[in-house]
PDB file of N, CA and C in Angstrom:
ATOM      1  N   MET A   1     -12.007 254.415 156.275  1.00  0.00           N
ATOM      2  CA  MET A   1     -13.391 254.070 156.456  1.00  0.00           C
ATOM      3  C   MET A   1     -13.698 252.817 155.629  1.00  0.00           C
ATOM      4  N   ILE A   2     -14.263 251.816 156.262  1.00  0.00           N
ATOM      5  CA  ILE A   2     -14.638 250.576 155.609  1.00  0.00           C
ATOM      6  C   ILE A   2     -16.051 250.737 155.047  1.00  0.00           C
ATOM      7  N   LYS A   3     -16.225 250.357 153.779  1.00  0.00           N
ATOM      8  CA  LYS A   3     -17.526 250.455 153.126  1.00  0.00           C
ATOM      9  C   LYS A   3     -17.863 249.138 152.440  1.00  0.00           C
ATOM     10  N   ARG A   4     -19.131 248.810 152.419  1.00  0.00           N
ATOM     11  CA  ARG A   4     -19.622 247.650 151.673  1.00  0.00           C
ATOM     12  C   ARG A   4     -20.093 248.158 150.321  1.00  0.00           C
ATOM     13  N   VAL A   5     -19.540 247.619 149.242  1.00  0.00           N
ATOM     14  CA  VAL A   5     -19.917 248.078 147.908  1.00  0.00           C
ATOM     15  C   VAL A   5     -20.262 246.878 147.025  1.00  0.00           C
ATOM     16  N   PRO A   6     -21.202 247.062 146.099  1.00  0.00           N
ATOM     17  CA  PRO A   6     -21.518 245.983 145.169  1.00  0.00           C
ATOM     18  C   PRO A   6     -20.362 245.780 144.191  1.00  0.00           C
ATOM     19  N   ILE A   7     -20.239 244.571 143.690  1.00  0.00           N
ATOM     20  CA  ILE A   7     -19.149 244.254 142.767  1.00  0.00           C
ATOM     21  C   ILE A   7     -19.209 245.160 141.533  1.00  0.00           C
ATOM     22  N   SER A   8     -20.392 245.602 141.157  1.00  0.00           N
ATOM     23  CA  SER A   8     -20.537 246.486 139.992  1.00  0.00           C
ATOM     24  C   SER A   8     -19.867 247.844 140.207  1.00  0.00           C
ATOM     25  N   ALA A   9     -19.633 248.227 141.455  1.00  0.00           N
ATOM     26  CA  ALA A   9     -19.005 249.513 141.768  1.00  0.00           C
ATOM     27  C   ALA A   9     -17.502 249.384 141.996  1.00  0.00           C
ATOM     28  N   LEU A  10     -16.976 248.168 141.933  1.00  0.00           N
ATOM     29  CA  LEU A  10     -15.563 247.933 142.195  1.00  0.00           C
ATOM     30  C   LEU A  10     -14.718 248.501 141.061  1.00  0.00           C
ATOM     31  N   LYS A  11     -13.657 249.217 141.399  1.00  0.00           N
ATOM     32  CA  LYS A  11     -12.787 249.878 140.417  1.00  0.00           C
ATOM     33  C   LYS A  11     -11.324 249.596 140.725  1.00  0.00           C
ATOM     34  N   VAL A  12     -10.503 249.686 139.700  1.00  0.00           N
ATOM     35  CA  VAL A  12      -9.056 249.592 139.877  1.00  0.00           C
ATOM     36  C   VAL A  12      -8.628 250.715 140.814  1.00  0.00           C
ATOM     37  N   GLY A  13      -7.786 250.384 141.783  1.00  0.00           N
ATOM     38  CA  GLY A  13      -7.311 251.372 142.749  1.00  0.00           C
ATOM     39  C   GLY A  13      -7.987 251.273 144.105  1.00  0.00           C
ATOM     40  N   MET A  14      -9.092 250.525 144.186  1.00  0.00           N
ATOM     41  CA  MET A  14      -9.760 250.329 145.474  1.00  0.00           C
ATOM     42  C   MET A  14      -9.011 249.274 146.277  1.00  0.00           C
ATOM     43  N   TYR A  15      -9.073 249.393 147.605  1.00  0.00           N
ATOM     44  CA  TYR A  15      -8.417 248.454 148.509  1.00  0.00           C
ATOM     45  C   TYR A  15      -9.475 247.556 149.125  1.00  0.00           C
ATOM     46  N   ILE A  16      -9.442 246.278 148.779  1.00  0.00           N
ATOM     47  CA  ILE A  16     -10.397 245.317 149.329  1.00  0.00           C
ATOM     48  C   ILE A  16      -9.905 244.853 150.690  1.00  0.00           C
ATOM     49  N   THR A  17     -10.799 244.909 151.676  1.00  0.00           N
ATOM     50  CA  THR A  17     -10.465 244.396 153.006  1.00  0.00           C
ATOM     51  C   THR A  17     -11.083 243.030 153.245  1.00  0.00           C
ATOM     52  N   ASP A  18     -12.185 242.726 152.531  1.00  0.00           N
ATOM     53  CA  ASP A  18     -12.863 241.440 152.705  1.00  0.00           C
ATOM     54  C   ASP A  18     -13.700 241.152 151.468  1.00  0.00           C
ATOM     55  N   LEU A  19     -13.588 239.923 150.953  1.00  0.00           N
ATOM     56  CA  LEU A  19     -14.378 239.531 149.785  1.00  0.00           C
ATOM     57  C   LEU A  19     -15.800 239.123 150.145  1.00  0.00           C
ATOM     58  N   ASN A  20     -16.116 239.059 151.436  1.00  0.00           N
ATOM     59  CA  ASN A  20     -17.474 238.756 151.873  1.00  0.00           C
ATOM     60  C   ASN A  20     -17.946 237.412 151.316  1.00  0.00           C
ATOM     61  N   ASN A  21     -17.071 236.414 151.373  1.00  0.00           N
ATOM     62  CA  ASN A  21     -17.416 235.097 150.847  1.00  0.00           C
ATOM     63  C   ASN A  21     -16.684 234.040 151.659  1.00  0.00           C
ATOM     64  N   ASP A  22     -17.397 233.355 152.538  1.00  0.00           N
ATOM     65  CA  ASP A  22     -16.781 232.405 153.458  1.00  0.00           C
ATOM     66  C   ASP A  22     -16.239 231.144 152.809  1.00  0.00           C
ATOM     67  N   TRP A  23     -16.703 230.756 151.635  1.00  0.00           N
ATOM     68  CA  TRP A  23     -16.239 229.506 151.046  1.00  0.00           C
ATOM     69  C   TRP A  23     -14.888 229.642 150.352  1.00  0.00           C
ATOM     70  N   ILE A  24     -14.392 230.860 150.185  1.00  0.00           N
ATOM     71  CA  ILE A  24     -13.057 231.048 149.609  1.00  0.00           C
ATOM     72  C   ILE A  24     -12.034 230.623 150.658  1.00  0.00           C
ATOM     73  N   PRO A  25     -11.006 229.857 150.268  1.00  0.00           N
ATOM     74  CA  PRO A  25      -9.997 229.429 151.250  1.00  0.00           C
ATOM     75  C   PRO A  25      -9.454 230.601 152.056  1.00  0.00           C
ATOM     76  N   HIS A  26      -9.148 230.352 153.285  1.00  0.00           N
ATOM     77  CA  HIS A  26      -8.746 231.414 154.212  1.00  0.00           C
ATOM     78  C   HIS A  26      -7.288 231.821 154.054  1.00  0.00           C
ATOM     79  N   ASN A  27      -6.921 232.238 152.887  1.00  0.00           N
ATOM     80  CA  ASN A  27      -5.597 232.797 152.633  1.00  0.00           C
ATOM     81  C   ASN A  27      -5.760 234.309 152.620  1.00  0.00           C
ATOM     82  N   THR A  28      -5.605 234.923 153.775  1.00  0.00           N
ATOM     83  CA  THR A  28      -5.897 236.357 153.906  1.00  0.00           C
ATOM     84  C   THR A  28      -4.985 237.225 153.054  1.00  0.00           C
ATOM     85  N   GLN A  29      -3.815 236.743 152.677  1.00  0.00           N
ATOM     86  CA  GLN A  29      -2.923 237.528 151.827  1.00  0.00           C
ATOM     87  C   GLN A  29      -3.551 237.754 150.452  1.00  0.00           C
ATOM     88  N   ARG A  30      -4.343 236.818 149.980  1.00  0.00           N
ATOM     89  CA  ARG A  30      -4.922 236.915 148.645  1.00  0.00           C
ATOM     90  C   ARG A  30      -6.326 237.505 148.673  1.00  0.00           C
ATOM     91  N   LYS A  31      -6.900 237.684 149.828  1.00  0.00           N
ATOM     92  CA  LYS A  31      -8.263 238.184 149.937  1.00  0.00           C
ATOM     93  C   LYS A  31      -8.332 239.686 150.169  1.00  0.00           C
ATOM     94  N   ARG A  32      -7.208 240.333 150.328  1.00  0.00           N
ATOM     95  CA  ARG A  32      -7.235 241.772 150.570  1.00  0.00           C
ATOM     96  C   ARG A  32      -6.086 242.440 149.823  1.00  0.00           C
ATOM     97  N   GLY A  33      -6.264 243.720 149.557  1.00  0.00           N
ATOM     98  CA  GLY A  33      -5.230 244.484 148.877  1.00  0.00           C
ATOM     99  C   GLY A  33      -5.812 245.393 147.802  1.00  0.00           C
ATOM    100  N   VAL A  34      -4.938 246.148 147.172  1.00  0.00           N
ATOM    101  CA  VAL A  34      -5.334 247.100 146.138  1.00  0.00           C
ATOM    102  C   VAL A  34      -5.594 246.352 144.832  1.00  0.00           C
ATOM    103  N   ILE A  35      -6.683 246.679 144.187  1.00  0.00           N
ATOM    104  CA  ILE A  35      -6.983 246.120 142.874  1.00  0.00           C
ATOM    105  C   ILE A  35      -6.142 246.870 141.856  1.00  0.00           C
ATOM    106  N   ARG A  36      -5.317 246.140 141.136  1.00  0.00           N
ATOM    107  CA  ARG A  36      -4.407 246.769 140.177  1.00  0.00           C
ATOM    108  C   ARG A  36      -4.818 246.562 138.716  1.00  0.00           C
ATOM    109  N   ARG A  37      -5.728 245.579 138.467  1.00  0.00           N
ATOM    110  CA  ARG A  37      -6.128 245.298 137.086  1.00  0.00           C
ATOM    111  C   ARG A  37      -7.612 244.954 137.013  1.00  0.00           C
ATOM    112  N   GLU A  38      -8.210 245.235 135.863  1.00  0.00           N
ATOM    113  CA  GLU A  38      -9.609 244.880 135.613  1.00  0.00           C
ATOM    114  C   GLU A  38      -9.808 243.371 135.691  1.00  0.00           C
ATOM    115  N   GLU A  39      -8.782 242.603 135.323  1.00  0.00           N
ATOM    116  CA  GLU A  39      -8.876 241.142 135.351  1.00  0.00           C
ATOM    117  C   GLU A  39      -9.163 240.629 136.766  1.00  0.00           C
ATOM    118  N   THR A  40      -8.644 241.314 137.753  1.00  0.00           N
ATOM    119  CA  THR A  40      -8.889 240.932 139.143  1.00  0.00           C
ATOM    120  C   THR A  40     -10.366 241.091 139.487  1.00  0.00           C
ATOM    121  N   ILE A  41     -10.967 242.166 139.036  1.00  0.00           N
ATOM    122  CA  ILE A  41     -12.391 242.394 139.284  1.00  0.00           C
ATOM    123  C   ILE A  41     -13.209 241.293 138.608  1.00  0.00           C
ATOM    124  N   GLU A  42     -12.842 240.924 137.405  1.00  0.00           N
ATOM    125  CA  GLU A  42     -13.564 239.869 136.683  1.00  0.00           C
ATOM    126  C   GLU A  42     -13.437 238.526 137.397  1.00  0.00           C
ATOM    127  N   LYS A  43     -12.270 238.218 137.956  1.00  0.00           N
ATOM    128  CA  LYS A  43     -12.086 236.976 138.714  1.00  0.00           C
ATOM    129  C   LYS A  43     -12.995 236.952 139.936  1.00  0.00           C
ATOM    130  N   ILE A  44     -13.082 238.076 140.629  1.00  0.00           N
ATOM    131  CA  ILE A  44     -13.944 238.169 141.815  1.00  0.00           C
ATOM    132  C   ILE A  44     -15.400 237.978 141.408  1.00  0.00           C
ATOM    133  N   ARG A  45     -15.792 238.598 140.302  1.00  0.00           N
ATOM    134  CA  ARG A  45     -17.169 238.469 139.805  1.00  0.00           C
ATOM    135  C   ARG A  45     -17.477 237.006 139.477  1.00  0.00           C
ATOM    136  N   LYS A  46     -16.544 236.306 138.836  1.00  0.00           N
ATOM    137  CA  LYS A  46     -16.741 234.906 138.451  1.00  0.00           C
ATOM    138  C   LYS A  46     -16.843 233.979 139.667  1.00  0.00           C
ATOM    139  N   MET A  47     -16.314 234.385 140.808  1.00  0.00           N
ATOM    140  CA  MET A  47     -16.425 233.588 142.029  1.00  0.00           C
ATOM    141  C   MET A  47     -17.823 233.691 142.636  1.00  0.00           C
ATOM    142  N   GLY A  48     -18.646 234.571 142.108  1.00  0.00           N
ATOM    143  CA  GLY A  48     -20.001 234.710 142.616  1.00  0.00           C
ATOM    144  C   GLY A  48     -20.140 235.740 143.720  1.00  0.00           C
ATOM    145  N   VAL A  49     -19.107 236.503 143.963  1.00  0.00           N
ATOM    146  CA  VAL A  49     -19.148 237.532 145.001  1.00  0.00           C
ATOM    147  C   VAL A  49     -20.038 238.681 144.519  1.00  0.00           C
ATOM    148  N   GLN A  50     -20.977 239.099 145.349  1.00  0.00           N
ATOM    149  CA  GLN A  50     -21.876 240.197 144.977  1.00  0.00           C
ATOM    150  C   GLN A  50     -21.498 241.517 145.633  1.00  0.00           C
ATOM    151  N   PHE A  51     -20.934 241.444 146.839  1.00  0.00           N
ATOM    152  CA  PHE A  51     -20.520 242.640 147.569  1.00  0.00           C
ATOM    153  C   PHE A  51     -19.131 242.408 148.142  1.00  0.00           C
ATOM    154  N   VAL A  52     -18.348 243.470 148.266  1.00  0.00           N
ATOM    155  CA  VAL A  52     -17.041 243.397 148.927  1.00  0.00           C
ATOM    156  C   VAL A  52     -16.954 244.560 149.909  1.00  0.00           C
ATOM    157  N   TYR A  53     -15.985 244.489 150.777  1.00  0.00           N
ATOM    158  CA  TYR A  53     -15.712 245.587 151.706  1.00  0.00           C
ATOM    159  C   TYR A  53     -14.413 246.247 151.286  1.00  0.00           C
ATOM    160  N   ILE A  54     -14.446 247.576 151.149  1.00  0.00           N
ATOM    161  CA  ILE A  54     -13.256 248.326 150.766  1.00  0.00           C
ATOM    162  C   ILE A  54     -12.863 249.269 151.889  1.00  0.00           C
ATOM    163  N   ASP A  55     -11.585 249.657 151.910  1.00  0.00           N
ATOM    164  CA  ASP A  55     -11.084 250.651 152.854  1.00  0.00           C
ATOM    165  C   ASP A  55     -10.761 251.902 152.051  1.00  0.00           C
ATOM    166  N   ALA A  56     -11.586 252.924 152.198  1.00  0.00           N
ATOM    167  CA  ALA A  56     -11.445 254.158 151.420  1.00  0.00           C
ATOM    168  C   ALA A  56     -10.213 254.962 151.822  1.00  0.00           C
ATOM    169  N   GLN A  57      -9.603 254.652 152.961  1.00  0.00           N
ATOM    170  CA  GLN A  57      -8.397 255.366 153.379  1.00  0.00           C
ATOM    171  C   GLN A  57      -7.141 254.757 152.757  1.00  0.00           C
ATOM    172  N   LYS A  58      -7.226 253.492 152.335  1.00  0.00           N
ATOM    173  CA  LYS A  58      -6.070 252.813 151.749  1.00  0.00           C
ATOM    174  C   LYS A  58      -6.111 252.771 150.226  1.00  0.00           C
ATOM    175  N   GLY A  59      -7.249 253.119 149.651  1.00  0.00           N
ATOM    176  CA  GLY A  59      -7.407 253.079 148.199  1.00  0.00           C
ATOM    177  C   GLY A  59      -8.501 254.028 147.768  1.00  0.00           C
ATOM    178  N   LYS A  60      -8.881 253.917 146.498  1.00  0.00           N
ATOM    179  CA  LYS A  60      -9.939 254.775 145.973  1.00  0.00           C
ATOM    180  C   LYS A  60     -11.249 254.523 146.707  1.00  0.00           C
ATOM    181  N   ASP A  61     -12.051 255.554 146.762  1.00  0.00           N
ATOM    182  CA  ASP A  61     -13.349 255.479 147.421  1.00  0.00           C
ATOM    183  C   ASP A  61     -14.430 255.163 146.387  1.00  0.00           C
ATOM    184  N   SER A  62     -15.583 254.720 146.852  1.00  0.00           N
ATOM    185  CA  SER A  62     -16.738 254.478 146.004  1.00  0.00           C
ATOM    186  C   SER A  62     -17.676 255.656 146.129  1.00  0.00           C
ATOM    187  N   ARG A  63     -18.311 256.009 145.050  1.00  0.00           N
ATOM    188  CA  ARG A  63     -19.267 257.112 145.084  1.00  0.00           C
ATOM    189  C   ARG A  63     -20.640 256.651 145.554  1.00  0.00           C
ATOM    190  N   ILE A  64     -20.829 255.354 145.641  1.00  0.00           N
ATOM    191  CA  ILE A  64     -22.108 254.819 146.086  1.00  0.00           C
ATOM    192  C   ILE A  64     -22.221 254.984 147.602  1.00  0.00           C
ATOM    193  N   ARG A  65     -23.295 255.604 148.040  1.00  0.00           N
ATOM    194  CA  ARG A  65     -23.478 255.830 149.478  1.00  0.00           C
ATOM    195  C   ARG A  65     -24.096 254.626 150.163  1.00  0.00           C
ATOM    196  N   LYS A  66     -25.204 254.121 149.633  1.00  0.00           N
ATOM    197  CA  LYS A  66     -25.886 252.967 150.205  1.00  0.00           C
ATOM    198  C   LYS A  66     -26.177 251.989 149.087  1.00  0.00           C
ATOM    199  N   PRO A  67     -25.414 250.914 148.978  1.00  0.00           N
ATOM    200  CA  PRO A  67     -25.681 249.958 147.908  1.00  0.00           C
ATOM    201  C   PRO A  67     -27.027 249.272 148.098  1.00  0.00           C
ATOM    202  N   GLN A  68     -27.684 249.003 146.993  1.00  0.00           N
ATOM    203  CA  GLN A  68     -28.963 248.323 147.055  1.00  0.00           C
ATOM    204  C   GLN A  68     -28.741 246.844 147.289  1.00  0.00           C
ATOM    205  N   LEU A  69     -29.557 246.257 148.143  1.00  0.00           N
ATOM    206  CA  LEU A  69     -29.471 244.831 148.416  1.00  0.00           C
ATOM    207  C   LEU A  69     -30.232 244.083 147.326  1.00  0.00           C
ATOM    208  N   PRO A  70     -29.760 242.886 146.971  1.00  0.00           N
ATOM    209  CA  PRO A  70     -30.433 242.116 145.913  1.00  0.00           C
ATOM    210  C   PRO A  70     -31.820 241.692 146.313  1.00  0.00           C
TER     211      PRO A  70
END
């Protein structure tokens, strides 16, 4: 199941399917996959990404049901 989650809910073990940011170069190998370190989350945060899409079947799920929009 694909879910949209705020960057604040991102955790190690989640599988990102899309960074939800069109200005990032289109290297799909680097834009998706399992988060293995906290440093990766911090890099995503520094890019200005506010929400990401995760696949709860490929990695950890988020407990947030409906993220609040800014």
